[in-house]
All heavy atoms as atom14 arrays in JSON, in Angstrom:
{
  "sequence": "VELIEKYDVTTQEQLGELLRKSGFEVTQATVSRDIRELGLSKVTSD",
  "atom14_mask": [
    [1, 1, 1, 1, 1, 1, 1, 0, 0, 0, 0, 0, 0, 0],
    [1, 1, 1, 1, 1, 1, 1, 1, 1, 0, 0, 0, 0, 0],
    [1, 1, 1, 1, 1, 1, 1, 1, 0, 0, 0, 0, 0, 0],
    [1, 1, 1, 1, 1, 1, 1, 1, 0, 0, 0, 0, 0, 0],
    [1, 1, 1, 1, 1, 1, 1, 1, 1, 0, 0, 0, 0, 0],
    [1, 1, 1, 1, 1, 1, 1, 1, 1, 0, 0, 0, 0, 0],
    [1, 1, 1, 1, 1, 1, 1, 1, 1, 1, 1, 1, 0, 0],
    [1, 1, 1, 1, 1, 1, 1, 1, 0, 0, 0, 0, 0, 0],
    [1, 1, 1, 1, 1, 1, 1, 0, 0, 0, 0, 0, 0, 0],
    [1, 1, 1, 1, 1, 1, 1, 0, 0, 0, 0, 0, 0, 0],
    [1, 1, 1, 1, 1, 1, 1, 0, 0, 0, 0, 0, 0, 0],
    [1, 1, 1, 1, 1, 1, 1, 1, 1, 0, 0, 0, 0, 0],
    [1, 1, 1, 1, 1, 1, 1, 1, 1, 0, 0, 0, 0, 0],
    [1, 1, 1, 1, 1, 1, 1, 1, 1, 0, 0, 0, 0, 0],
    [1, 1, 1, 1, 1, 1, 1, 1, 0, 0, 0, 0, 0, 0],
    [1, 1, 1, 1, 0, 0, 0, 0, 0, 0, 0, 0, 0, 0],
    [1, 1, 1, 1, 1, 1, 1, 1, 1, 0, 0, 0, 0, 0],
    [1, 1, 1, 1, 1, 1, 1, 1, 0, 0, 0, 0, 0, 0],
    [1, 1, 1, 1, 1, 1, 1, 1, 0, 0, 0, 0, 0, 0],
    [1, 1, 1, 1, 1, 1, 1, 1, 1, 1, 1, 0, 0, 0],
    [1, 1, 1, 1, 1, 1, 1, 1, 1, 0, 0, 0, 0, 0],
    [1, 1, 1, 1, 1, 1, 0, 0, 0, 0, 0, 0, 0, 0],
    [1, 1, 1, 1, 0, 0, 0, 0, 0, 0, 0, 0, 0, 0],
    [1, 1, 1, 1, 1, 1, 1, 1, 1, 1, 1, 0, 0, 0],
    [1, 1, 1, 1, 1, 1, 1, 1, 1, 0, 0, 0, 0, 0],
    [1, 1, 1, 1, 1, 1, 1, 0, 0, 0, 0, 0, 0, 0],
    [1, 1, 1, 1, 1, 1, 1, 0, 0, 0, 0, 0, 0, 0],
    [1, 1, 1, 1, 1, 1, 1, 1, 1, 0, 0, 0, 0, 0],
    [1, 1, 1, 1, 1, 0, 0, 0, 0, 0, 0, 0, 0, 0],
    [1, 1, 1, 1, 1, 1, 1, 0, 0, 0, 0, 0, 0, 0],
    [1, 1, 1, 1, 1, 1, 1, 0, 0, 0, 0, 0, 0, 0],
    [1, 1, 1, 1, 1, 1, 0, 0, 0, 0, 0, 0, 0, 0],
    [1, 1, 1, 1, 1, 1, 1, 1, 1, 1, 1, 0, 0, 0],
    [1, 1, 1, 1, 1, 1, 1, 1, 0, 0, 0, 0, 0, 0],
    [1, 1, 1, 1, 1, 1, 1, 1, 0, 0, 0, 0, 0, 0],
    [1, 1, 1, 1, 1, 1, 1, 1, 1, 1, 1, 0, 0, 0],
    [1, 1, 1, 1, 1, 1, 1, 1, 1, 0, 0, 0, 0, 0],
    [1, 1, 1, 1, 1, 1, 1, 1, 0, 0, 0, 0, 0, 0],
    [1, 1, 1, 1, 0, 0, 0, 0, 0, 0, 0, 0, 0, 0],
    [1, 1, 1, 1, 1, 1, 1, 1, 0, 0, 0, 0, 0, 0],
    [1, 1, 1, 1, 1, 1, 0, 0, 0, 0, 0, 0, 0, 0],
    [1, 1, 1, 1, 1, 1, 1, 1, 1, 0, 0, 0, 0, 0],
    [1, 1, 1, 1, 1, 1, 1, 0, 0, 0, 0, 0, 0, 0],
    [1, 1, 1, 1, 1, 1, 1, 0, 0, 0, 0, 0, 0, 0],
    [1, 1, 1, 1, 1, 1, 0, 0, 0, 0, 0, 0, 0, 0],
    [1, 1, 1, 1, 1, 1, 1, 1, 0, 0, 0, 0, 0, 0]
  ],
  "atom14_positions": [
    [[7.5, -9.88, -11.99], [8.77, -9.6, -11.45], [9.14, -8.11, -11.53], [9.64, -7.46, -10.58], [9.87, -10.38, -12.21], [11.26, -9.97, -11.88], [9.67, -11.88, -11.93], [0.0, 0.0, 0.0], [0.0, 0.0, 0.0], [0.0, 0.0, 0.0], [0.0, 0.0, 0.0], [0.0, 0.0, 0.0], [0.0, 0.0, 0.0], [0.0, 0.0, 0.0]],
    [[8.76, -7.47, -12.66], [9.01, -6.02, -12.87], [8.28, -5.21, -11.79], [8.77, -4.28, -11.21], [8.56, -5.62, -14.27], [8.66, -4.14, -14.58], [8.05, -3.84, -15.88], [8.25, -4.64, -16.9], [7.43, -2.76, -16.03], [0.0, 0.0, 0.0], [0.0, 0.0, 0.0], [0.0, 0.0, 0.0], [0.0, 0.0, 0.0], [0.0, 0.0, 0.0]],
    [[7.0, -5.57, -11.53], [6.21, -4.82, -10.59], [6.68, -4.93, -9.18], [6.76, -3.93, -8.51], [4.76, -5.3, -10.67], [3.97, -4.94, -11.91], [2.67, -5.66, -11.99], [3.8, -3.4, -12.01], [0.0, 0.0, 0.0], [0.0, 0.0, 0.0], [0.0, 0.0, 0.0], [0.0, 0.0, 0.0], [0.0, 0.0, 0.0], [0.0, 0.0, 0.0]],
    [[7.11, -6.13, -8.79], [7.57, -6.28, -7.39], [8.96, -5.69, -7.13], [9.34, -5.4, -6.06], [7.47, -7.74, -6.8], [8.4, -8.67, -7.55], [6.08, -8.26, -6.87], [8.54, -10.04, -6.97], [0.0, 0.0, 0.0], [0.0, 0.0, 0.0], [0.0, 0.0, 0.0], [0.0, 0.0, 0.0], [0.0, 0.0, 0.0], [0.0, 0.0, 0.0]],
    [[9.77, -5.53, -8.28], [11.01, -4.9, -8.12], [10.76, -3.33, -8.09], [11.61, -2.69, -7.53], [11.92, -5.31, -9.26], [12.44, -6.69, -9.14], [13.29, -7.19, -10.24], [13.47, -6.54, -11.25], [13.88, -8.27, -10.11], [0.0, 0.0, 0.0], [0.0, 0.0, 0.0], [0.0, 0.0, 0.0], [0.0, 0.0, 0.0], [0.0, 0.0, 0.0]],
    [[9.78, -2.9, -8.7], [9.51, -1.44, -8.7], [8.68, -0.94, -7.47], [8.94, 0.17, -6.99], [8.71, -1.12, -10.03], [8.45, 0.32, -10.28], [7.82, 0.6, -11.6], [7.67, 2.02, -11.87], [7.07, 2.37, -13.18], [0.0, 0.0, 0.0], [0.0, 0.0, 0.0], [0.0, 0.0, 0.0], [0.0, 0.0, 0.0], [0.0, 0.0, 0.0]],
    [[7.73, -1.73, -7.05], [6.82, -1.31, -6.0], [6.98, -2.25, -4.78], [7.41, -3.46, -4.92], [5.39, -1.34, -6.43], [5.09, -0.46, -7.67], [4.89, -1.08, -8.95], [5.03, 0.87, -7.43], [4.6, -0.24, -9.97], [4.72, 1.7, -8.56], [4.51, 1.09, -9.83], [4.22, 1.9, -10.9], [0.0, 0.0, 0.0], [0.0, 0.0, 0.0]],
    [[6.64, -1.79, -3.6], [6.51, -2.63, -2.4], [5.16, -3.33, -2.5], [4.15, -2.78, -1.86], [6.65, -1.84, -1.14], [8.1, -1.48, -0.86], [8.98, -1.99, -1.59], [8.39, -0.7, 0.16], [0.0, 0.0, 0.0], [0.0, 0.0, 0.0], [0.0, 0.0, 0.0], [0.0, 0.0, 0.0], [0.0, 0.0, 0.0], [0.0, 0.0, 0.0]],
    [[5.03, -4.42, -3.08], [3.79, -5.16, -3.32], [3.57, -6.05, -2.03], [4.43, -6.98, -1.75], [3.77, -6.06, -4.54], [2.44, -6.78, -4.63], [3.95, -5.09, -5.74], [0.0, 0.0, 0.0], [0.0, 0.0, 0.0], [0.0, 0.0, 0.0], [0.0, 0.0, 0.0], [0.0, 0.0, 0.0], [0.0, 0.0, 0.0], [0.0, 0.0, 0.0]],
    [[2.53, -5.75, -1.3], [2.41, -6.42, 0.03], [1.33, -7.52, 0.01], [1.33, -8.38, 0.84], [2.07, -5.45, 1.09], [0.82, -4.7, 0.73], [3.23, -4.42, 1.24], [0.0, 0.0, 0.0], [0.0, 0.0, 0.0], [0.0, 0.0, 0.0], [0.0, 0.0, 0.0], [0.0, 0.0, 0.0], [0.0, 0.0, 0.0], [0.0, 0.0, 0.0]],
    [[0.36, -7.52, -0.99], [-0.69, -8.54, -0.96], [-0.92, -9.02, -2.45], [-0.6, -8.35, -3.41], [-2.03, -7.88, -0.48], [-2.44, -6.9, -1.47], [-1.91, -7.33, 0.95], [0.0, 0.0, 0.0], [0.0, 0.0, 0.0], [0.0, 0.0, 0.0], [0.0, 0.0, 0.0], [0.0, 0.0, 0.0], [0.0, 0.0, 0.0], [0.0, 0.0, 0.0]],
    [[-1.55, -10.16, -2.49], [-1.97, -10.68, -3.8], [-2.94, -9.73, -4.5], [-2.93, -9.59, -5.66], [-2.63, -12.15, -3.63], [-1.61, -13.17, -3.28], [-2.2, -14.53, -3.25], [-3.34, -14.78, -3.75], [-1.52, -15.45, -2.67], [0.0, 0.0, 0.0], [0.0, 0.0, 0.0], [0.0, 0.0, 0.0], [0.0, 0.0, 0.0], [0.0, 0.0, 0.0]],
    [[-3.82, -9.19, -3.66], [-4.83, -8.2, -4.19], [-4.16, -7.0, -4.87], [-4.56, -6.61, -5.98], [-5.83, -7.81, -3.16], [-6.74, -8.92, -2.67], [-5.99, -9.84, -1.59], [-4.92, -9.48, -1.03], [-6.56, -10.97, -1.35], [0.0, 0.0, 0.0], [0.0, 0.0, 0.0], [0.0, 0.0, 0.0], [0.0, 0.0, 0.0], [0.0, 0.0, 0.0]],
    [[-3.21, -6.5, -4.22], [-2.41, -5.33, -4.77], [-1.75, -5.77, -6.04], [-1.76, -5.01, -6.99], [-1.4, -4.89, -3.67], [-0.6, -3.64, -4.18], [0.43, -3.22, -3.22], [0.78, -3.91, -2.28], [1.02, -2.07, -3.48], [0.0, 0.0, 0.0], [0.0, 0.0, 0.0], [0.0, 0.0, 0.0], [0.0, 0.0, 0.0], [0.0, 0.0, 0.0]],
    [[-1.15, -6.98, -6.12], [-0.44, -7.37, -7.27], [-1.43, -7.6, -8.39], [-1.15, -7.29, -9.56], [0.33, -8.7, -6.94], [1.06, -9.26, -8.13], [2.12, -8.26, -8.76], [1.83, -10.59, -7.72], [0.0, 0.0, 0.0], [0.0, 0.0, 0.0], [0.0, 0.0, 0.0], [0.0, 0.0, 0.0], [0.0, 0.0, 0.0], [0.0, 0.0, 0.0]],
    [[-2.58, -8.15, -8.14], [-3.61, -8.37, -9.12], [-4.08, -6.99, -9.68], [-4.25, -6.84, -10.92], [0.0, 0.0, 0.0], [0.0, 0.0, 0.0], [0.0, 0.0, 0.0], [0.0, 0.0, 0.0], [0.0, 0.0, 0.0], [0.0, 0.0, 0.0], [0.0, 0.0, 0.0], [0.0, 0.0, 0.0], [0.0, 0.0, 0.0], [0.0, 0.0, 0.0]],
    [[-4.23, -6.0, -8.84], [-4.67, -4.65, -9.33], [-3.56, -4.05, -10.17], [-3.8, -3.51, -11.27], [-4.93, -3.79, -8.08], [-5.45, -2.38, -8.48], [-6.78, -2.45, -9.26], [-7.58, -3.29, -9.06], [-6.97, -1.52, -10.19], [0.0, 0.0, 0.0], [0.0, 0.0, 0.0], [0.0, 0.0, 0.0], [0.0, 0.0, 0.0], [0.0, 0.0, 0.0]],
    [[-2.3, -4.17, -9.85], [-1.19, -3.65, -10.59], [-1.19, -4.35, -12.04], [-0.88, -3.74, -13.1], [0.1, -3.78, -9.91], [0.37, -2.86, -8.68], [1.56, -3.27, -7.93], [0.5, -1.42, -9.19], [0.0, 0.0, 0.0], [0.0, 0.0, 0.0], [0.0, 0.0, 0.0], [0.0, 0.0, 0.0], [0.0, 0.0, 0.0], [0.0, 0.0, 0.0]],
    [[-1.47, -5.68, -12.0], [-1.43, -6.42, -13.27], [-2.59, -5.96, -14.15], [-2.44, -5.75, -15.34], [-1.54, -7.94, -12.99], [-0.23, -8.57, -12.49], [-0.55, -9.95, -12.02], [0.78, -8.64, -13.66], [0.0, 0.0, 0.0], [0.0, 0.0, 0.0], [0.0, 0.0, 0.0], [0.0, 0.0, 0.0], [0.0, 0.0, 0.0], [0.0, 0.0, 0.0]],
    [[-3.78, -5.74, -13.53], [-4.93, -5.24, -14.35], [-4.62, -3.98, -14.96], [-4.97, -3.65, -16.05], [-6.19, -5.3, -13.45], [-6.75, -6.72, -13.27], [-8.09, -6.71, -12.53], [-7.98, -6.54, -11.1], [-7.54, -7.53, -10.23], [-7.34, -8.7, -10.69], [-7.53, -7.25, -8.98], [0.0, 0.0, 0.0], [0.0, 0.0, 0.0], [0.0, 0.0, 0.0]],
    [[-4.08, -3.03, -14.18], [-3.64, -1.68, -14.66], [-2.68, -1.78, -15.75], [-2.54, -0.88, -16.63], [-3.2, -0.8, -13.56], [-4.21, -0.36, -12.56], [-3.58, 0.53, -11.51], [-4.72, 1.0, -10.55], [-4.17, 1.77, -9.42], [0.0, 0.0, 0.0], [0.0, 0.0, 0.0], [0.0, 0.0, 0.0], [0.0, 0.0, 0.0], [0.0, 0.0, 0.0]],
    [[-1.91, -2.89, -15.77], [-0.94, -3.09, -16.87], [-1.5, -3.79, -18.05], [-0.7, -4.18, -18.97], [0.28, -3.86, -16.3], [0.93, -3.13, -15.29], [0.0, 0.0, 0.0], [0.0, 0.0, 0.0], [0.0, 0.0, 0.0], [0.0, 0.0, 0.0], [0.0, 0.0, 0.0], [0.0, 0.0, 0.0], [0.0, 0.0, 0.0], [0.0, 0.0, 0.0]],
    [[-2.77, -4.07, -18.01], [-3.45, -4.72, -19.16], [-3.63, -6.24, -19.11], [-3.97, -6.83, -20.08], [0.0, 0.0, 0.0], [0.0, 0.0, 0.0], [0.0, 0.0, 0.0], [0.0, 0.0, 0.0], [0.0, 0.0, 0.0], [0.0, 0.0, 0.0], [0.0, 0.0, 0.0], [0.0, 0.0, 0.0], [0.0, 0.0, 0.0], [0.0, 0.0, 0.0]],
    [[-3.35, -6.85, -17.95], [-3.5, -8.27, -17.85], [-4.82, -8.5, -16.99], [-5.07, -7.97, -15.93], [-2.34, -8.84, -17.02], [-1.05, -8.79, -17.75], [-0.24, -7.75, -17.59], [-0.69, -9.84, -18.53], [1.02, -7.67, -18.19], [0.51, -9.82, -19.3], [1.39, -8.69, -19.08], [0.0, 0.0, 0.0], [0.0, 0.0, 0.0], [0.0, 0.0, 0.0]],
    [[-5.67, -9.41, -17.58], [-6.92, -9.74, -16.86], [-6.55, -11.03, -16.09], [-6.27, -12.12, -16.64], [-8.05, -10.08, -17.93], [-8.52, -8.86, -18.62], [-9.14, -7.84, -17.71], [-9.79, -8.2, -16.64], [-8.78, -6.55, -17.88], [0.0, 0.0, 0.0], [0.0, 0.0, 0.0], [0.0, 0.0, 0.0], [0.0, 0.0, 0.0], [0.0, 0.0, 0.0]],
    [[-6.59, -10.88, -14.8], [-6.19, -11.98, -13.88], [-7.24, -12.05, -12.73], [-7.92, -11.17, -12.35], [-4.8, -11.75, -13.21], [-3.71, -11.77, -14.3], [-4.74, -10.4, -12.49], [0.0, 0.0, 0.0], [0.0, 0.0, 0.0], [0.0, 0.0, 0.0], [0.0, 0.0, 0.0], [0.0, 0.0, 0.0], [0.0, 0.0, 0.0], [0.0, 0.0, 0.0]],
    [[-7.25, -13.33, -12.29], [-8.12, -13.6, -11.07], [-7.16, -13.81, -9.88], [-5.93, -13.98, -10.06], [-8.92, -14.9, -11.24], [-8.04, -16.01, -11.36], [-9.81, -14.78, -12.5], [0.0, 0.0, 0.0], [0.0, 0.0, 0.0], [0.0, 0.0, 0.0], [0.0, 0.0, 0.0], [0.0, 0.0, 0.0], [0.0, 0.0, 0.0], [0.0, 0.0, 0.0]],
    [[-7.69, -13.9, -8.71], [-6.85, -14.1, -7.52], [-6.18, -15.46, -7.65], [-5.04, -15.58, -7.24], [-7.7, -14.04, -6.28], [-7.03, -14.15, -4.91], [-6.63, -15.51, -4.49], [-7.38, -16.46, -4.78], [-5.54, -15.66, -3.82], [0.0, 0.0, 0.0], [0.0, 0.0, 0.0], [0.0, 0.0, 0.0], [0.0, 0.0, 0.0], [0.0, 0.0, 0.0]],
    [[-6.91, -16.45, -8.17], [-6.28, -17.81, -8.3], [-5.1, -17.77, -9.24], [-4.11, -18.42, -9.0], [-7.3, -18.79, -8.79], [0.0, 0.0, 0.0], [0.0, 0.0, 0.0], [0.0, 0.0, 0.0], [0.0, 0.0, 0.0], [0.0, 0.0, 0.0], [0.0, 0.0, 0.0], [0.0, 0.0, 0.0], [0.0, 0.0, 0.0], [0.0, 0.0, 0.0]],
    [[-5.19, -16.96, -10.32], [-4.05, -16.9, -11.25], [-2.92, -16.25, -10.6], [-1.72, -16.68, -10.74], [-4.48, -16.09, -12.48], [-5.61, -16.71, -13.11], [-3.4, -15.94, -13.52], [0.0, 0.0, 0.0], [0.0, 0.0, 0.0], [0.0, 0.0, 0.0], [0.0, 0.0, 0.0], [0.0, 0.0, 0.0], [0.0, 0.0, 0.0], [0.0, 0.0, 0.0]],
    [[-3.12, -15.17, -9.83], [-2.1, -14.46, -9.2], [-1.41, -15.43, -8.18], [-0.15, -15.47, -8.06], [-2.56, -13.18, -8.46], [-1.48, -12.56, -7.61], [-3.09, -12.17, -9.42], [0.0, 0.0, 0.0], [0.0, 0.0, 0.0], [0.0, 0.0, 0.0], [0.0, 0.0, 0.0], [0.0, 0.0, 0.0], [0.0, 0.0, 0.0], [0.0, 0.0, 0.0]],
    [[-2.18, -16.16, -7.43], [-1.66, -17.13, -6.45], [-0.77, -18.16, -7.1], [0.31, -18.46, -6.66], [-2.82, -17.74, -5.7], [-2.34, -18.69, -4.73], [0.0, 0.0, 0.0], [0.0, 0.0, 0.0], [0.0, 0.0, 0.0], [0.0, 0.0, 0.0], [0.0, 0.0, 0.0], [0.0, 0.0, 0.0], [0.0, 0.0, 0.0], [0.0, 0.0, 0.0]],
    [[-1.25, -18.7, -8.25], [-0.43, -19.69, -8.99], [0.84, -19.07, -9.48], [1.88, -19.76, -9.46], [-1.2, -20.24, -10.15], [-2.23, -21.39, -9.74], [-2.74, -22.14, -10.98], [-3.48, -21.23, -11.85], [-4.77, -20.95, -11.8], [-5.47, -21.39, -10.79], [-5.33, -20.08, -12.65], [0.0, 0.0, 0.0], [0.0, 0.0, 0.0], [0.0, 0.0, 0.0]],
    [[0.77, -17.88, -9.97], [1.96, -17.18, -10.6], [3.0, -17.0, -9.41], [4.19, -17.14, -9.59], [1.63, -15.86, -11.18], [0.86, -16.0, -12.52], [0.89, -17.23, -13.08], [0.31, -15.08, -13.07], [0.0, 0.0, 0.0], [0.0, 0.0, 0.0], [0.0, 0.0, 0.0], [0.0, 0.0, 0.0], [0.0, 0.0, 0.0], [0.0, 0.0, 0.0]],
    [[2.49, -16.58, -8.21], [3.41, -16.34, -7.16], [4.14, -17.64, -6.77], [5.33, -17.68, -6.55], [2.63, -15.83, -5.92], [2.24, -14.35, -6.13], [3.44, -15.97, -4.62], [1.27, -13.78, -5.13], [0.0, 0.0, 0.0], [0.0, 0.0, 0.0], [0.0, 0.0, 0.0], [0.0, 0.0, 0.0], [0.0, 0.0, 0.0], [0.0, 0.0, 0.0]],
    [[3.4, -18.77, -6.77], [4.02, -20.09, -6.44], [5.02, -20.45, -7.53], [6.12, -20.89, -7.25], [2.95, -21.18, -6.3], [2.42, -21.31, -4.91], [1.63, -22.58, -4.79], [0.71, -22.9, -5.78], [-0.57, -22.37, -5.92], [-0.98, -21.59, -4.94], [-1.31, -22.74, -6.82], [0.0, 0.0, 0.0], [0.0, 0.0, 0.0], [0.0, 0.0, 0.0]],
    [[4.64, -20.29, -8.76], [5.56, -20.65, -9.92], [6.85, -19.83, -9.91], [7.92, -20.36, -10.21], [4.78, -20.46, -11.27], [5.59, -21.0, -12.44], [4.8, -21.03, -13.74], [3.59, -21.21, -13.66], [5.39, -20.97, -14.78], [0.0, 0.0, 0.0], [0.0, 0.0, 0.0], [0.0, 0.0, 0.0], [0.0, 0.0, 0.0], [0.0, 0.0, 0.0]],
    [[6.75, -18.56, -9.59], [7.96, -17.72, -9.55], [8.73, -17.96, -8.3], [9.86, -17.48, -8.19], [7.49, -16.23, -9.64], [7.0, -15.76, -10.99], [6.35, -14.36, -10.94], [8.16, -15.75, -12.04], [0.0, 0.0, 0.0], [0.0, 0.0, 0.0], [0.0, 0.0, 0.0], [0.0, 0.0, 0.0], [0.0, 0.0, 0.0], [0.0, 0.0, 0.0]],
    [[8.22, -18.62, -7.36], [8.9, -18.89, -6.06], [9.1, -17.61, -5.29], [10.1, -17.49, -4.57], [0.0, 0.0, 0.0], [0.0, 0.0, 0.0], [0.0, 0.0, 0.0], [0.0, 0.0, 0.0], [0.0, 0.0, 0.0], [0.0, 0.0, 0.0], [0.0, 0.0, 0.0], [0.0, 0.0, 0.0], [0.0, 0.0, 0.0], [0.0, 0.0, 0.0]],
    [[8.1, -16.71, -5.31], [8.22, -15.43, -4.56], [8.13, -15.76, -3.12], [7.47, -16.69, -2.67], [7.08, -14.51, -4.96], [7.01, -14.1, -6.47], [5.91, -13.07, -6.62], [8.38, -13.51, -6.86], [0.0, 0.0, 0.0], [0.0, 0.0, 0.0], [0.0, 0.0, 0.0], [0.0, 0.0, 0.0], [0.0, 0.0, 0.0], [0.0, 0.0, 0.0]],
    [[8.78, -14.95, -2.35], [8.65, -14.99, -0.85], [8.44, -13.59, -0.4], [8.29, -12.67, -1.16], [9.98, -15.53, -0.35], [9.82, -15.89, 1.05], [0.0, 0.0, 0.0], [0.0, 0.0, 0.0], [0.0, 0.0, 0.0], [0.0, 0.0, 0.0], [0.0, 0.0, 0.0], [0.0, 0.0, 0.0], [0.0, 0.0, 0.0], [0.0, 0.0, 0.0]],
    [[8.35, -13.48, 0.93], [8.11, -12.09, 1.48], [9.28, -11.78, 2.5], [9.75, -12.65, 3.17], [6.77, -12.04, 2.27], [5.59, -11.93, 1.36], [4.34, -11.54, 2.12], [3.27, -11.07, 1.27], [2.09, -10.63, 2.02], [0.0, 0.0, 0.0], [0.0, 0.0, 0.0], [0.0, 0.0, 0.0], [0.0, 0.0, 0.0], [0.0, 0.0, 0.0]],
    [[9.64, -10.53, 2.47], [10.58, -10.01, 3.42], [10.04, -8.71, 4.03], [9.11, -8.09, 3.41], [11.91, -9.74, 2.75], [12.64, -11.02, 2.28], [11.82, -8.74, 1.64], [0.0, 0.0, 0.0], [0.0, 0.0, 0.0], [0.0, 0.0, 0.0], [0.0, 0.0, 0.0], [0.0, 0.0, 0.0], [0.0, 0.0, 0.0], [0.0, 0.0, 0.0]],
    [[10.64, -8.25, 5.06], [10.23, -7.01, 5.64], [10.66, -5.81, 4.68], [11.7, -5.8, 4.28], [10.86, -6.73, 7.08], [10.48, -7.88, 7.87], [10.38, -5.47, 7.68], [0.0, 0.0, 0.0], [0.0, 0.0, 0.0], [0.0, 0.0, 0.0], [0.0, 0.0, 0.0], [0.0, 0.0, 0.0], [0.0, 0.0, 0.0], [0.0, 0.0, 0.0]],
    [[9.65, -4.94, 4.4], [9.93, -3.77, 3.55], [10.83, -2.81, 4.28], [11.07, -2.88, 5.44], [8.58, -3.11, 3.17], [7.94, -2.64, 4.33], [0.0, 0.0, 0.0], [0.0, 0.0, 0.0], [0.0, 0.0, 0.0], [0.0, 0.0, 0.0], [0.0, 0.0, 0.0], [0.0, 0.0, 0.0], [0.0, 0.0, 0.0], [0.0, 0.0, 0.0]],
    [[11.35, -1.93, 3.48], [12.26, -0.88, 4.01], [11.76, -0.15, 5.2], [12.5, 0.28, 6.08], [12.78, 0.06, 2.93], [13.51, -0.7, 1.84], [14.08, -1.76, 2.07], [13.6, -0.19, 0.69], [0.0, 0.0, 0.0], [0.0, 0.0, 0.0], [0.0, 0.0, 0.0], [0.0, 0.0, 0.0], [0.0, 0.0, 0.0], [0.0, 0.0, 0.0]]
  ]
}
């Protein structure tokens, strides 16, 4: 939530990379499950 409020995160891969840089070891499947659990959606960026 903190990362997507701070950055324009456009892909799961980008989110995974930001999480890894923040010290979280994640797989694409974990990121995908987290996106579903948080109920994230997409909108057009600024």
